[in-house]
Amino acid sequence: RDGMMQGYDLKLVRSVADGLTVPLIACGGARDAADLGRVLHEGHAHAAAAGSLFVYFGPLKAVLINVPSEEELCRLGVYQPR
């Protein structure tokens, strides 16, 4: 699903993460910031990577560096300020 922006394969990520004794970084498919939270919480990943999510914007996939705010990341439960 890498680059397709259709969401992470949560079943696959959870299956792999639950079978490992080392941290798992999920990569491939994030369509929005909520997907980051889902893969961490529902998929049991320890970290999440995303590329297209931060580069393409809107229905026309215009190139725009798009970084979620600290507030949005906190609300999704994927970041906690120190």
N, C-alpha and C. Protein backbone atom coordinates (compact mmCIF):
# COMPACT_ATOMS: atom_id res chain seq x y z
N ARG A 1 0.81 -1.20 0.00
CA ARG A 1 0.00 0.00 0.00
C ARG A 1 0.85 1.26 0.00
N ASP A 2 2.15 1.11 -0.05
CA ASP A 2 3.04 2.26 0.04
C ASP A 2 2.74 3.26 -1.08
N GLY A 3 2.51 4.52 -0.70
CA GLY A 3 2.23 5.58 -1.64
C GLY A 3 0.80 5.64 -2.13
N MET A 4 -0.05 4.69 -1.76
CA MET A 4 -1.42 4.65 -2.26
C MET A 4 -2.41 5.43 -1.41
N MET A 5 -2.01 5.78 -0.19
CA MET A 5 -2.85 6.56 0.72
C MET A 5 -4.22 5.92 0.93
N GLN A 6 -4.24 4.61 1.20
CA GLN A 6 -5.48 3.88 1.45
C GLN A 6 -5.55 3.36 2.88
N GLY A 7 -4.66 3.82 3.73
CA GLY A 7 -4.62 3.35 5.11
C GLY A 7 -3.68 2.17 5.26
N TYR A 8 -3.13 2.02 6.46
CA TYR A 8 -2.26 0.89 6.75
C TYR A 8 -3.08 -0.39 6.78
N ASP A 9 -2.46 -1.51 6.50
CA ASP A 9 -3.10 -2.82 6.63
C ASP A 9 -3.01 -3.20 8.11
N LEU A 10 -4.01 -2.80 8.88
CA LEU A 10 -3.97 -2.96 10.34
C LEU A 10 -3.87 -4.42 10.78
N LYS A 11 -4.57 -5.31 10.08
CA LYS A 11 -4.50 -6.74 10.44
C LYS A 11 -3.08 -7.26 10.28
N LEU A 12 -2.45 -6.91 9.17
CA LEU A 12 -1.09 -7.36 8.91
C LEU A 12 -0.12 -6.77 9.93
N VAL A 13 -0.22 -5.46 10.17
CA VAL A 13 0.68 -4.81 11.11
C VAL A 13 0.53 -5.42 12.50
N ARG A 14 -0.72 -5.61 12.95
CA ARG A 14 -0.96 -6.18 14.28
C ARG A 14 -0.39 -7.60 14.37
N SER A 15 -0.61 -8.40 13.33
CA SER A 15 -0.12 -9.77 13.32
C SER A 15 1.41 -9.81 13.44
N VAL A 16 2.08 -8.96 12.69
CA VAL A 16 3.54 -8.92 12.73
C VAL A 16 4.02 -8.37 14.07
N ALA A 17 3.44 -7.24 14.50
CA ALA A 17 3.87 -6.59 15.75
C ALA A 17 3.70 -7.53 16.94
N ASP A 18 2.60 -8.24 16.99
CA ASP A 18 2.33 -9.13 18.12
C ASP A 18 3.25 -10.36 18.13
N GLY A 19 3.87 -10.65 16.99
CA GLY A 19 4.75 -11.80 16.91
C GLY A 19 6.23 -11.47 17.07
N LEU A 20 6.54 -10.19 17.24
CA LEU A 20 7.93 -9.76 17.35
C LEU A 20 8.33 -9.48 18.79
N THR A 21 9.63 -9.55 19.03
CA THR A 21 10.17 -9.16 20.34
C THR A 21 10.97 -7.86 20.21
N VAL A 22 10.96 -7.27 19.01
CA VAL A 22 11.62 -5.99 18.77
C VAL A 22 10.57 -5.00 18.29
N PRO A 23 10.82 -3.70 18.42
CA PRO A 23 9.84 -2.70 17.97
C PRO A 23 9.59 -2.78 16.46
N LEU A 24 8.36 -2.47 16.06
CA LEU A 24 7.97 -2.48 14.65
C LEU A 24 7.63 -1.07 14.21
N ILE A 25 8.17 -0.65 13.07
CA ILE A 25 7.81 0.63 12.46
C ILE A 25 6.92 0.30 11.27
N ALA A 26 5.66 0.73 11.33
CA ALA A 26 4.72 0.50 10.23
C ALA A 26 4.97 1.53 9.13
N CYS A 27 4.93 1.08 7.89
CA CYS A 27 5.16 1.98 6.76
C CYS A 27 4.28 1.54 5.60
N GLY A 28 3.66 2.52 4.95
CA GLY A 28 2.94 2.22 3.73
C GLY A 28 1.44 2.38 3.82
N GLY A 29 0.94 3.50 3.29
CA GLY A 29 -0.50 3.65 3.14
C GLY A 29 -1.19 4.75 3.89
N ALA A 30 -0.51 5.48 4.76
CA ALA A 30 -1.20 6.51 5.56
C ALA A 30 -1.89 7.53 4.67
N ARG A 31 -3.19 7.75 4.93
CA ARG A 31 -3.94 8.73 4.15
C ARG A 31 -4.19 10.01 4.93
N ASP A 32 -4.17 9.92 6.26
CA ASP A 32 -4.38 11.10 7.10
C ASP A 32 -3.77 10.85 8.47
N ALA A 33 -3.77 11.89 9.30
CA ALA A 33 -3.15 11.78 10.62
C ALA A 33 -3.85 10.73 11.49
N ALA A 34 -5.13 10.53 11.30
CA ALA A 34 -5.86 9.52 12.08
C ALA A 34 -5.31 8.12 11.81
N ASP A 35 -4.84 7.86 10.59
CA ASP A 35 -4.24 6.56 10.29
C ASP A 35 -3.00 6.31 11.14
N LEU A 36 -2.25 7.37 11.43
CA LEU A 36 -1.07 7.22 12.29
C LEU A 36 -1.50 6.72 13.67
N GLY A 37 -2.55 7.32 14.21
CA GLY A 37 -3.05 6.88 15.51
C GLY A 37 -3.58 5.46 15.48
N ARG A 38 -4.30 5.11 14.41
CA ARG A 38 -4.86 3.76 14.30
C ARG A 38 -3.77 2.69 14.24
N VAL A 39 -2.72 2.95 13.46
CA VAL A 39 -1.68 1.92 13.33
C VAL A 39 -0.90 1.75 14.63
N LEU A 40 -0.78 2.82 15.41
CA LEU A 40 -0.09 2.72 16.70
C LEU A 40 -0.97 2.03 17.74
N HIS A 41 -2.22 2.41 17.81
CA HIS A 41 -3.11 1.89 18.85
C HIS A 41 -3.76 0.57 18.47
N GLU A 42 -4.35 0.49 17.29
CA GLU A 42 -5.03 -0.73 16.87
C GLU A 42 -4.07 -1.75 16.25
N GLY A 43 -3.04 -1.24 15.56
CA GLY A 43 -2.09 -2.12 14.89
C GLY A 43 -0.93 -2.55 15.78
N HIS A 44 -0.82 -1.94 16.96
CA HIS A 44 0.23 -2.28 17.93
C HIS A 44 1.63 -1.96 17.44
N ALA A 45 1.76 -1.11 16.41
CA ALA A 45 3.09 -0.69 15.95
C ALA A 45 3.71 0.23 16.99
N HIS A 46 5.02 0.25 17.04
CA HIS A 46 5.73 1.12 17.99
C HIS A 46 5.99 2.50 17.39
N ALA A 47 6.00 2.59 16.06
CA ALA A 47 6.20 3.85 15.36
C ALA A 47 5.56 3.72 13.99
N ALA A 48 5.34 4.86 13.34
CA ALA A 48 4.73 4.85 12.02
C ALA A 48 5.49 5.79 11.10
N ALA A 49 5.70 5.35 9.87
CA ALA A 49 6.34 6.18 8.85
C ALA A 49 5.28 6.58 7.84
N ALA A 50 5.43 7.76 7.28
CA ALA A 50 4.49 8.24 6.26
C ALA A 50 5.24 9.19 5.33
N GLY A 51 4.96 9.11 4.07
CA GLY A 51 5.60 9.98 3.09
C GLY A 51 4.58 10.83 2.35
N SER A 52 3.74 10.19 1.55
CA SER A 52 2.77 10.91 0.72
C SER A 52 1.86 11.79 1.55
N LEU A 53 1.54 11.35 2.76
CA LEU A 53 0.67 12.11 3.66
C LEU A 53 1.20 13.53 3.87
N PHE A 54 2.52 13.68 3.92
CA PHE A 54 3.13 14.98 4.20
C PHE A 54 3.51 15.76 2.95
N VAL A 55 3.32 15.16 1.77
CA VAL A 55 3.73 15.81 0.53
C VAL A 55 2.53 16.22 -0.33
N TYR A 56 1.53 15.36 -0.44
CA TYR A 56 0.39 15.63 -1.33
C TYR A 56 -0.80 16.14 -0.54
N PHE A 57 -1.56 17.07 -1.15
CA PHE A 57 -2.66 17.71 -0.45
C PHE A 57 -3.87 17.85 -1.36
N GLY A 58 -5.05 17.57 -0.81
CA GLY A 58 -6.31 17.82 -1.51
C GLY A 58 -6.64 16.77 -2.55
N PRO A 59 -7.83 16.92 -3.16
CA PRO A 59 -8.31 15.92 -4.12
C PRO A 59 -7.44 15.83 -5.38
N LEU A 60 -6.73 16.90 -5.71
CA LEU A 60 -5.88 16.88 -6.90
C LEU A 60 -4.46 16.44 -6.56
N LYS A 61 -4.21 16.13 -5.30
CA LYS A 61 -2.90 15.69 -4.83
C LYS A 61 -1.81 16.70 -5.19
N ALA A 62 -2.12 17.97 -4.94
CA ALA A 62 -1.15 19.02 -5.18
C ALA A 62 0.05 18.81 -4.26
N VAL A 63 1.23 19.11 -4.78
CA VAL A 63 2.44 18.95 -3.96
C VAL A 63 2.50 20.09 -2.96
N LEU A 64 2.47 19.72 -1.70
CA LEU A 64 2.51 20.69 -0.61
C LEU A 64 3.01 19.97 0.63
N ILE A 65 4.06 20.48 1.20
CA ILE A 65 4.53 19.87 2.44
C ILE A 65 3.49 20.16 3.51
N ASN A 66 2.90 19.12 4.08
CA ASN A 66 1.78 19.22 5.00
C ASN A 66 2.13 18.48 6.29
N VAL A 67 2.38 19.22 7.34
CA VAL A 67 2.77 18.61 8.61
C VAL A 67 1.68 18.88 9.64
N PRO A 68 1.17 17.83 10.31
CA PRO A 68 0.12 18.06 11.32
C PRO A 68 0.67 18.88 12.49
N SER A 69 -0.21 19.67 13.08
CA SER A 69 0.19 20.51 14.21
C SER A 69 0.42 19.64 15.45
N GLU A 70 1.14 20.19 16.41
CA GLU A 70 1.37 19.49 17.67
C GLU A 70 0.03 19.19 18.35
N GLU A 71 -0.90 20.14 18.27
CA GLU A 71 -2.23 19.95 18.87
C GLU A 71 -2.95 18.76 18.24
N GLU A 72 -2.90 18.66 16.90
CA GLU A 72 -3.57 17.55 16.22
C GLU A 72 -2.93 16.21 16.60
N LEU A 73 -1.61 16.16 16.67
CA LEU A 73 -0.93 14.93 17.05
C LEU A 73 -1.27 14.52 18.48
N CYS A 74 -1.37 15.50 19.38
CA CYS A 74 -1.75 15.20 20.77
C CYS A 74 -3.17 14.67 20.83
N ARG A 75 -4.08 15.29 20.08
CA ARG A 75 -5.49 14.88 20.06
C ARG A 75 -5.63 13.44 19.56
N LEU A 76 -4.79 13.04 18.61
CA LEU A 76 -4.83 11.69 18.06
C LEU A 76 -4.12 10.68 18.95
N GLY A 77 -3.42 11.17 19.95
CA GLY A 77 -2.73 10.28 20.87
C GLY A 77 -1.42 9.72 20.35
N VAL A 78 -0.83 10.39 19.35
CA VAL A 78 0.43 9.90 18.79
C VAL A 78 1.63 10.73 19.24
N TYR A 79 1.39 11.75 20.06
CA TYR A 79 2.47 12.61 20.54
C TYR A 79 2.08 13.17 21.90
N GLN A 80 3.06 13.22 22.78
CA GLN A 80 2.85 13.83 24.09
C GLN A 80 4.00 14.79 24.35
N PRO A 81 3.71 16.08 24.51
CA PRO A 81 4.79 17.03 24.78
C PRO A 81 5.43 16.73 26.12
N ARG A 82 6.70 17.06 26.22
CA ARG A 82 7.42 16.81 27.48
C ARG A 82 7.19 17.91 28.46
